[in-house]
Amino acid sequence: MLRIEIVYAQPQCSVVKSLNLPAGARISDALSLIASDQDFLDVDLAGAAVGIFGKAAGRDQQLADGDRIEIYRPLVEEPKLARRKRAGQSGRR
């Protein structure tokens, strides 16, 4: 058996669930298990990007014991554009 965690961070709080999966399980298997979980109902599990320990991963990636699957939210704003806006605001002071 593999013991893994699934994490989804929102601005207000984070959701962390621990699961036990059989050896050979993949990310898609873990996502299928949490699809009906109350804490993940508003999460686009089919379209969201996922990763393991901060590195992007495909849904067919095999899991290892202790892995932490991270479900990523879509970007609200392009990072370069956000930095430009902040730099422009700080220059006006």
N, C-alpha and C. Protein backbone atom coordinates (compact mmCIF):
# COMPACT_ATOMS: atom_id res chain seq x y z
N MET A 1 0.84 -1.19 0.00
CA MET A 1 0.00 0.00 0.00
C MET A 1 0.88 1.25 0.00
N LEU A 2 0.39 2.27 -0.70
CA LEU A 2 1.06 3.56 -0.74
C LEU A 2 0.28 4.56 0.09
N ARG A 3 0.97 5.34 0.89
CA ARG A 3 0.32 6.40 1.65
C ARG A 3 0.72 7.72 0.98
N ILE A 4 -0.28 8.45 0.47
CA ILE A 4 -0.02 9.71 -0.22
C ILE A 4 -0.91 10.80 0.35
N GLU A 5 -0.60 12.05 0.02
CA GLU A 5 -1.43 13.19 0.38
C GLU A 5 -1.84 13.92 -0.89
N ILE A 6 -3.02 14.50 -0.85
CA ILE A 6 -3.49 15.38 -1.93
C ILE A 6 -3.74 16.73 -1.30
N VAL A 7 -3.19 17.78 -1.94
CA VAL A 7 -3.26 19.13 -1.39
C VAL A 7 -3.86 20.07 -2.42
N TYR A 8 -4.78 20.93 -1.96
CA TYR A 8 -5.32 22.01 -2.80
C TYR A 8 -5.34 23.26 -1.94
N ALA A 9 -4.60 24.28 -2.36
CA ALA A 9 -4.51 25.52 -1.59
C ALA A 9 -5.39 26.59 -2.21
N GLN A 10 -6.21 27.19 -1.36
CA GLN A 10 -7.03 28.33 -1.74
C GLN A 10 -6.49 29.54 -0.99
N PRO A 11 -6.85 30.75 -1.41
CA PRO A 11 -6.35 31.93 -0.69
C PRO A 11 -6.71 31.93 0.80
N GLN A 12 -7.88 31.40 1.15
CA GLN A 12 -8.34 31.43 2.53
C GLN A 12 -7.86 30.24 3.35
N CYS A 13 -7.72 29.08 2.71
CA CYS A 13 -7.37 27.86 3.45
C CYS A 13 -6.80 26.82 2.50
N SER A 14 -6.29 25.77 3.08
CA SER A 14 -5.77 24.65 2.30
C SER A 14 -6.52 23.38 2.69
N VAL A 15 -6.66 22.50 1.73
CA VAL A 15 -7.29 21.21 1.98
C VAL A 15 -6.22 20.14 1.79
N VAL A 16 -6.06 19.30 2.79
CA VAL A 16 -5.09 18.21 2.73
C VAL A 16 -5.81 16.92 3.08
N LYS A 17 -5.70 15.94 2.21
CA LYS A 17 -6.30 14.62 2.44
C LYS A 17 -5.23 13.55 2.32
N SER A 18 -5.26 12.60 3.21
CA SER A 18 -4.36 11.45 3.15
C SER A 18 -5.13 10.27 2.58
N LEU A 19 -4.47 9.52 1.70
CA LEU A 19 -5.10 8.35 1.09
C LEU A 19 -4.15 7.17 1.14
N ASN A 20 -4.72 6.00 1.16
CA ASN A 20 -3.97 4.76 1.01
C ASN A 20 -4.38 4.15 -0.33
N LEU A 21 -3.40 3.92 -1.19
CA LEU A 21 -3.65 3.38 -2.51
C LEU A 21 -2.81 2.12 -2.72
N PRO A 22 -3.26 1.25 -3.60
CA PRO A 22 -2.46 0.05 -3.88
C PRO A 22 -1.19 0.40 -4.66
N ALA A 23 -0.18 -0.42 -4.53
CA ALA A 23 1.05 -0.22 -5.29
C ALA A 23 0.73 -0.17 -6.78
N GLY A 24 1.41 0.70 -7.50
CA GLY A 24 1.17 0.86 -8.92
C GLY A 24 0.12 1.90 -9.26
N ALA A 25 -0.46 2.53 -8.25
CA ALA A 25 -1.50 3.55 -8.48
C ALA A 25 -0.89 4.77 -9.16
N ARG A 26 -1.71 5.48 -9.88
CA ARG A 26 -1.29 6.68 -10.61
C ARG A 26 -2.04 7.89 -10.07
N ILE A 27 -1.59 9.07 -10.50
CA ILE A 27 -2.24 10.30 -10.05
C ILE A 27 -3.72 10.28 -10.38
N SER A 28 -4.07 9.81 -11.57
CA SER A 28 -5.48 9.76 -11.96
C SER A 28 -6.32 8.91 -11.02
N ASP A 29 -5.73 7.84 -10.48
CA ASP A 29 -6.45 6.99 -9.52
C ASP A 29 -6.76 7.77 -8.24
N ALA A 30 -5.80 8.53 -7.77
CA ALA A 30 -5.99 9.31 -6.55
C ALA A 30 -7.05 10.39 -6.77
N LEU A 31 -7.00 11.05 -7.93
CA LEU A 31 -7.99 12.09 -8.22
C LEU A 31 -9.39 11.51 -8.33
N SER A 32 -9.50 10.30 -8.86
CA SER A 32 -10.81 9.64 -8.94
C SER A 32 -11.39 9.38 -7.55
N LEU A 33 -10.52 9.03 -6.61
CA LEU A 33 -10.98 8.74 -5.25
C LEU A 33 -11.53 9.97 -4.54
N ILE A 34 -10.97 11.14 -4.82
CA ILE A 34 -11.42 12.35 -4.12
C ILE A 34 -12.49 13.12 -4.88
N ALA A 35 -12.86 12.66 -6.06
CA ALA A 35 -13.81 13.40 -6.90
C ALA A 35 -15.12 13.68 -6.19
N SER A 36 -15.57 12.78 -5.34
CA SER A 36 -16.85 12.99 -4.65
C SER A 36 -16.68 13.55 -3.24
N ASP A 37 -15.44 13.82 -2.85
CA ASP A 37 -15.16 14.37 -1.52
C ASP A 37 -15.70 15.80 -1.43
N GLN A 38 -16.38 16.10 -0.37
CA GLN A 38 -17.02 17.40 -0.15
C GLN A 38 -16.03 18.56 -0.28
N ASP A 39 -14.80 18.38 0.18
CA ASP A 39 -13.80 19.45 0.15
C ASP A 39 -13.30 19.77 -1.25
N PHE A 40 -13.52 18.86 -2.21
CA PHE A 40 -13.00 19.05 -3.56
C PHE A 40 -14.10 19.24 -4.60
N LEU A 41 -15.34 19.46 -4.17
CA LEU A 41 -16.44 19.58 -5.11
C LEU A 41 -16.30 20.79 -6.05
N ASP A 42 -15.73 21.87 -5.58
CA ASP A 42 -15.59 23.08 -6.40
C ASP A 42 -14.30 23.10 -7.21
N VAL A 43 -13.51 22.06 -7.12
CA VAL A 43 -12.22 22.01 -7.81
C VAL A 43 -12.40 21.31 -9.15
N ASP A 44 -11.84 21.89 -10.20
CA ASP A 44 -11.89 21.30 -11.54
C ASP A 44 -10.83 20.21 -11.63
N LEU A 45 -11.12 19.04 -11.10
CA LEU A 45 -10.14 17.96 -11.07
C LEU A 45 -9.78 17.46 -12.46
N ALA A 46 -10.69 17.57 -13.41
CA ALA A 46 -10.42 17.10 -14.76
C ALA A 46 -9.49 18.05 -15.52
N GLY A 47 -9.58 19.34 -15.24
CA GLY A 47 -8.80 20.30 -16.01
C GLY A 47 -7.63 20.94 -15.28
N ALA A 48 -7.57 20.78 -13.98
CA ALA A 48 -6.52 21.43 -13.20
C ALA A 48 -5.16 20.79 -13.44
N ALA A 49 -4.13 21.62 -13.43
CA ALA A 49 -2.76 21.10 -13.50
C ALA A 49 -2.43 20.46 -12.16
N VAL A 50 -1.60 19.43 -12.20
CA VAL A 50 -1.19 18.74 -10.98
C VAL A 50 0.32 18.56 -10.97
N GLY A 51 0.83 18.32 -9.78
CA GLY A 51 2.25 18.06 -9.64
C GLY A 51 2.51 17.25 -8.39
N ILE A 52 3.77 16.84 -8.25
CA ILE A 52 4.20 16.12 -7.05
C ILE A 52 5.36 16.90 -6.47
N PHE A 53 5.19 17.35 -5.24
CA PHE A 53 6.21 18.13 -4.54
C PHE A 53 6.71 19.31 -5.38
N GLY A 54 5.79 20.05 -5.98
CA GLY A 54 6.15 21.28 -6.69
C GLY A 54 6.64 21.09 -8.12
N LYS A 55 6.64 19.90 -8.63
CA LYS A 55 7.06 19.65 -10.01
C LYS A 55 5.87 19.13 -10.79
N ALA A 56 5.60 19.76 -11.93
CA ALA A 56 4.47 19.35 -12.76
C ALA A 56 4.56 17.87 -13.10
N ALA A 57 3.40 17.23 -13.11
CA ALA A 57 3.35 15.79 -13.39
C ALA A 57 2.13 15.48 -14.23
N GLY A 58 2.24 14.45 -15.01
CA GLY A 58 1.10 13.98 -15.80
C GLY A 58 0.21 13.09 -14.96
N ARG A 59 -1.02 12.99 -15.35
CA ARG A 59 -1.98 12.20 -14.58
C ARG A 59 -1.69 10.70 -14.65
N ASP A 60 -0.87 10.30 -15.61
CA ASP A 60 -0.52 8.90 -15.73
C ASP A 60 0.75 8.54 -14.96
N GLN A 61 1.31 9.51 -14.24
CA GLN A 61 2.53 9.24 -13.48
C GLN A 61 2.24 8.31 -12.31
N GLN A 62 3.09 7.31 -12.17
CA GLN A 62 2.94 6.36 -11.08
C GLN A 62 3.38 7.00 -9.77
N LEU A 63 2.67 6.68 -8.70
CA LEU A 63 2.94 7.27 -7.39
C LEU A 63 3.91 6.42 -6.59
N ALA A 64 4.62 7.09 -5.70
CA ALA A 64 5.52 6.41 -4.77
C ALA A 64 5.01 6.68 -3.36
N ASP A 65 5.37 5.82 -2.44
CA ASP A 65 4.96 6.00 -1.06
C ASP A 65 5.45 7.35 -0.54
N GLY A 66 4.55 8.11 0.08
CA GLY A 66 4.89 9.41 0.66
C GLY A 66 4.74 10.57 -0.29
N ASP A 67 4.33 10.36 -1.54
CA ASP A 67 4.16 11.47 -2.49
C ASP A 67 3.07 12.42 -2.02
N ARG A 68 3.23 13.69 -2.37
CA ARG A 68 2.21 14.71 -2.12
C ARG A 68 1.76 15.25 -3.47
N ILE A 69 0.54 14.93 -3.84
CA ILE A 69 -0.03 15.44 -5.08
C ILE A 69 -0.57 16.83 -4.81
N GLU A 70 -0.17 17.78 -5.64
CA GLU A 70 -0.64 19.16 -5.50
C GLU A 70 -1.55 19.49 -6.68
N ILE A 71 -2.71 20.02 -6.38
CA ILE A 71 -3.65 20.45 -7.42
C ILE A 71 -3.50 21.96 -7.52
N TYR A 72 -3.14 22.43 -8.72
CA TYR A 72 -2.84 23.85 -8.90
C TYR A 72 -4.05 24.63 -9.39
N ARG A 73 -4.23 25.82 -8.82
CA ARG A 73 -5.28 26.72 -9.27
C ARG A 73 -4.80 27.46 -10.51
N PRO A 74 -5.72 27.90 -11.38
CA PRO A 74 -5.30 28.69 -12.54
C PRO A 74 -4.77 30.05 -12.06
N LEU A 75 -3.84 30.61 -12.82
CA LEU A 75 -3.30 31.92 -12.47
C LEU A 75 -4.38 32.99 -12.64
N VAL A 76 -4.44 33.90 -11.70
CA VAL A 76 -5.38 35.01 -11.78
C VAL A 76 -4.86 36.04 -12.77
N GLU A 77 -3.54 36.20 -12.80
CA GLU A 77 -2.92 37.19 -13.67
C GLU A 77 -1.54 36.69 -14.08
N GLU A 78 -1.13 37.02 -15.28
CA GLU A 78 0.19 36.67 -15.78
C GLU A 78 1.25 37.26 -14.84
N PRO A 79 2.19 36.45 -14.33
CA PRO A 79 3.18 36.94 -13.36
C PRO A 79 4.00 38.14 -13.82
N LYS A 80 4.42 38.16 -15.08
CA LYS A 80 5.21 39.30 -15.57
C LYS A 80 4.38 40.59 -15.56
N LEU A 81 3.14 40.49 -15.95
CA LEU A 81 2.26 41.65 -15.96
C LEU A 81 2.02 42.15 -14.54
N ALA A 82 1.84 41.25 -13.60
CA ALA A 82 1.62 41.64 -12.21
C ALA A 82 2.85 42.37 -11.66
N ARG A 83 4.05 41.88 -11.99
CA ARG A 83 5.27 42.56 -11.53
C ARG A 83 5.39 43.95 -12.12
N ARG A 84 5.05 44.08 -13.40
CA ARG A 84 5.09 45.41 -14.03
C ARG A 84 4.13 46.38 -13.35
N LYS A 85 2.94 45.90 -13.03
CA LYS A 85 1.96 46.75 -12.35
C LYS A 85 2.47 47.20 -10.98
N ARG A 86 3.04 46.25 -10.22
CA ARG A 86 3.57 46.60 -8.91
C ARG A 86 4.74 47.58 -9.01
N ALA A 87 5.59 47.38 -10.00
CA ALA A 87 6.74 48.28 -10.18
C ALA A 87 6.24 49.67 -10.57
N GLY A 88 5.22 49.73 -11.41
CA GLY A 88 4.66 51.03 -11.80
C GLY A 88 4.02 51.75 -10.64
N GLN A 89 3.37 51.04 -9.75
CA GLN A 89 2.73 51.66 -8.60
C GLN A 89 3.75 52.17 -7.58
N SER A 90 4.84 51.42 -7.40
CA SER A 90 5.82 51.84 -6.42
C SER A 90 6.64 53.03 -6.93
N GLY A 91 6.71 53.18 -8.25
CA GLY A 91 7.44 54.31 -8.83
C GLY A 91 6.68 55.60 -8.76
N ARG A 92 5.38 55.56 -8.53
CA ARG A 92 4.54 56.77 -8.47
C ARG A 92 4.58 57.47 -7.12
N ARG A 93 5.12 56.83 -6.13
CA ARG A 93 5.09 57.40 -4.77
C ARG A 93 5.99 58.55 -4.62
